[in-house]
């Protein structure tokens, strides 16, 4: 009975595949995910960090809370922007609260 069980392994059994070839589909999936998801997101994050760093008085912005305003002052040490949202109304926000810098759109007079 034991000879029947081992008979399949003694003969010229199936060939073993190359382990690198079996990993190739997984590596391809990881590469595609990197190119389509991770790399564009990192580029977008880098562009936003650059925009936040370059904010200066006079720039018009939109906050993540949906408020439009014009930067009146910058307190670099604390990372705070003084934002004018109406004629005599100013608020303090952090740099990270800026969603985007408005270009060619005059919002606050």
Protein backbone atom coordinates (compact mmCIF):
# COMPACT_ATOMS: atom_id res chain seq x y z
CA UNK A 1 0.00 0.00 0.00
CA UNK A 2 2.84 2.37 0.79
CA UNK A 3 4.32 1.68 -2.61
CA UNK A 4 1.17 2.99 -4.25
CA UNK A 5 1.32 6.27 -2.33
CA UNK A 6 4.93 6.94 -3.23
CA UNK A 7 4.61 5.75 -6.81
CA UNK A 8 3.52 9.18 -8.02
CA UNK A 9 6.52 10.94 -6.51
CA UNK A 10 9.15 8.55 -7.76
CA UNK A 11 8.19 8.82 -11.40
CA UNK A 12 8.94 11.88 -13.53
CA UNK A 13 6.36 14.06 -11.61
CA UNK A 14 5.22 17.57 -12.53
CA UNK A 15 7.79 20.28 -13.13
CA UNK A 16 8.25 22.97 -10.50
CA UNK A 17 7.54 26.51 -11.74
CA UNK A 18 9.96 29.38 -11.34
CA UNK A 19 9.10 31.18 -8.06
CA UNK A 20 9.85 34.57 -9.61
CA UNK A 21 7.29 33.96 -12.34
CA UNK A 22 4.64 33.13 -9.75
CA UNK A 23 5.29 36.46 -8.01
CA UNK A 24 5.17 38.45 -11.25
CA UNK A 25 1.37 39.09 -11.21
CA UNK A 26 1.55 40.40 -7.63
CA UNK A 27 4.44 42.69 -8.50
CA UNK A 28 2.53 43.95 -11.53
CA UNK A 29 -0.53 44.73 -9.38
CA UNK A 30 1.62 46.63 -6.87
CA UNK A 31 3.26 48.60 -9.69
CA UNK A 32 -0.10 49.53 -11.22
CA UNK A 33 -1.44 50.62 -7.82
CA UNK A 34 1.63 52.78 -7.29
CA UNK A 35 1.35 54.42 -10.70
CA UNK A 36 -2.42 55.01 -10.59
CA UNK A 37 -3.06 55.77 -6.93
CA UNK A 38 -0.08 56.47 -4.70
CA UNK A 39 2.10 58.58 -7.00
CA UNK A 40 -0.64 61.05 -8.10
CA UNK A 41 -1.80 61.45 -4.49
CA UNK A 42 1.74 62.19 -3.31
CA UNK A 43 2.17 64.73 -6.12
CA UNK A 44 -1.11 66.43 -5.19
CA UNK A 45 -0.09 66.57 -1.52
CA UNK A 46 3.28 68.08 -2.44
CA UNK A 47 1.60 70.77 -4.57
CA UNK A 48 -0.78 71.66 -1.72
CA UNK A 49 2.10 71.94 0.77
CA UNK A 50 3.92 74.26 -1.64
CA UNK A 51 0.78 76.40 -2.06
CA UNK A 52 0.33 76.65 1.73
CA UNK A 53 3.96 77.66 2.16
CA UNK A 54 3.67 80.42 -0.46
CA UNK A 55 0.56 82.12 0.99
CA UNK A 56 1.09 85.83 1.62
CA UNK A 57 -1.00 88.91 2.51
CA UNK A 58 -3.29 89.93 -0.32
CA UNK A 59 -3.99 86.37 -1.53
CA UNK A 60 -7.62 85.36 -1.73
CA UNK A 61 -8.43 81.89 -0.42
CA UNK A 62 -11.18 79.40 0.26
CA UNK A 63 -11.09 77.61 3.60
CA UNK A 64 -12.04 73.98 4.15
CA UNK A 65 -15.06 75.31 6.05
CA UNK A 66 -16.31 77.09 2.93
CA UNK A 67 -15.39 80.69 3.86
CA UNK A 68 -13.93 82.98 1.24
CA UNK A 69 -11.54 85.68 2.34
CA UNK A 70 -8.44 87.74 1.76
CA UNK A 71 -5.29 87.24 3.81
CA UNK A 72 -4.56 90.41 5.79
CA UNK A 73 -1.61 89.16 7.80
CA UNK A 74 0.58 86.15 8.53
CA UNK A 75 1.91 85.06 11.92
CA UNK A 76 4.68 82.68 10.86
CA UNK A 77 5.70 81.56 14.33
CA UNK A 78 2.25 80.20 15.16
CA UNK A 79 1.31 79.25 11.59
CA UNK A 80 -1.76 81.49 11.72
CA UNK A 81 -3.31 83.55 8.94
CA UNK A 82 -5.43 86.64 9.61
CA UNK A 83 -8.29 86.38 7.15
CA UNK A 84 -10.59 89.26 6.21
CA UNK A 85 -14.00 87.83 5.38
CA UNK A 86 -16.06 91.05 5.33
CA UNK A 87 -15.57 94.81 5.63
CA UNK A 88 -14.63 94.94 9.33
CA UNK A 89 -14.55 91.22 10.09
CA UNK A 90 -11.26 89.37 10.52
CA UNK A 91 -10.70 85.81 11.71
CA UNK A 92 -7.62 83.83 12.57
CA UNK A 93 -7.17 80.45 10.88
CA UNK A 94 -4.34 77.94 10.64
CA UNK A 95 -2.55 77.38 7.36
CA UNK A 96 -3.88 73.83 7.20
CA UNK A 97 -7.45 75.19 7.08
CA UNK A 98 -6.88 76.58 3.58
CA UNK A 99 -8.51 74.49 0.86
CA UNK A 100 -7.31 76.46 -2.16
CA UNK A 101 -5.89 79.74 -3.31
CA UNK A 102 -8.27 81.63 -5.59
CA UNK A 103 -6.89 82.94 -8.85
CA UNK A 104 -8.61 85.69 -10.86
CA UNK A 105 -11.62 85.74 -8.51
CA UNK A 106 -12.21 88.83 -6.41
CA UNK A 107 -14.36 87.83 -3.45
CA UNK A 108 -13.73 90.31 -0.64
CA UNK A 109 -13.77 94.05 -1.27
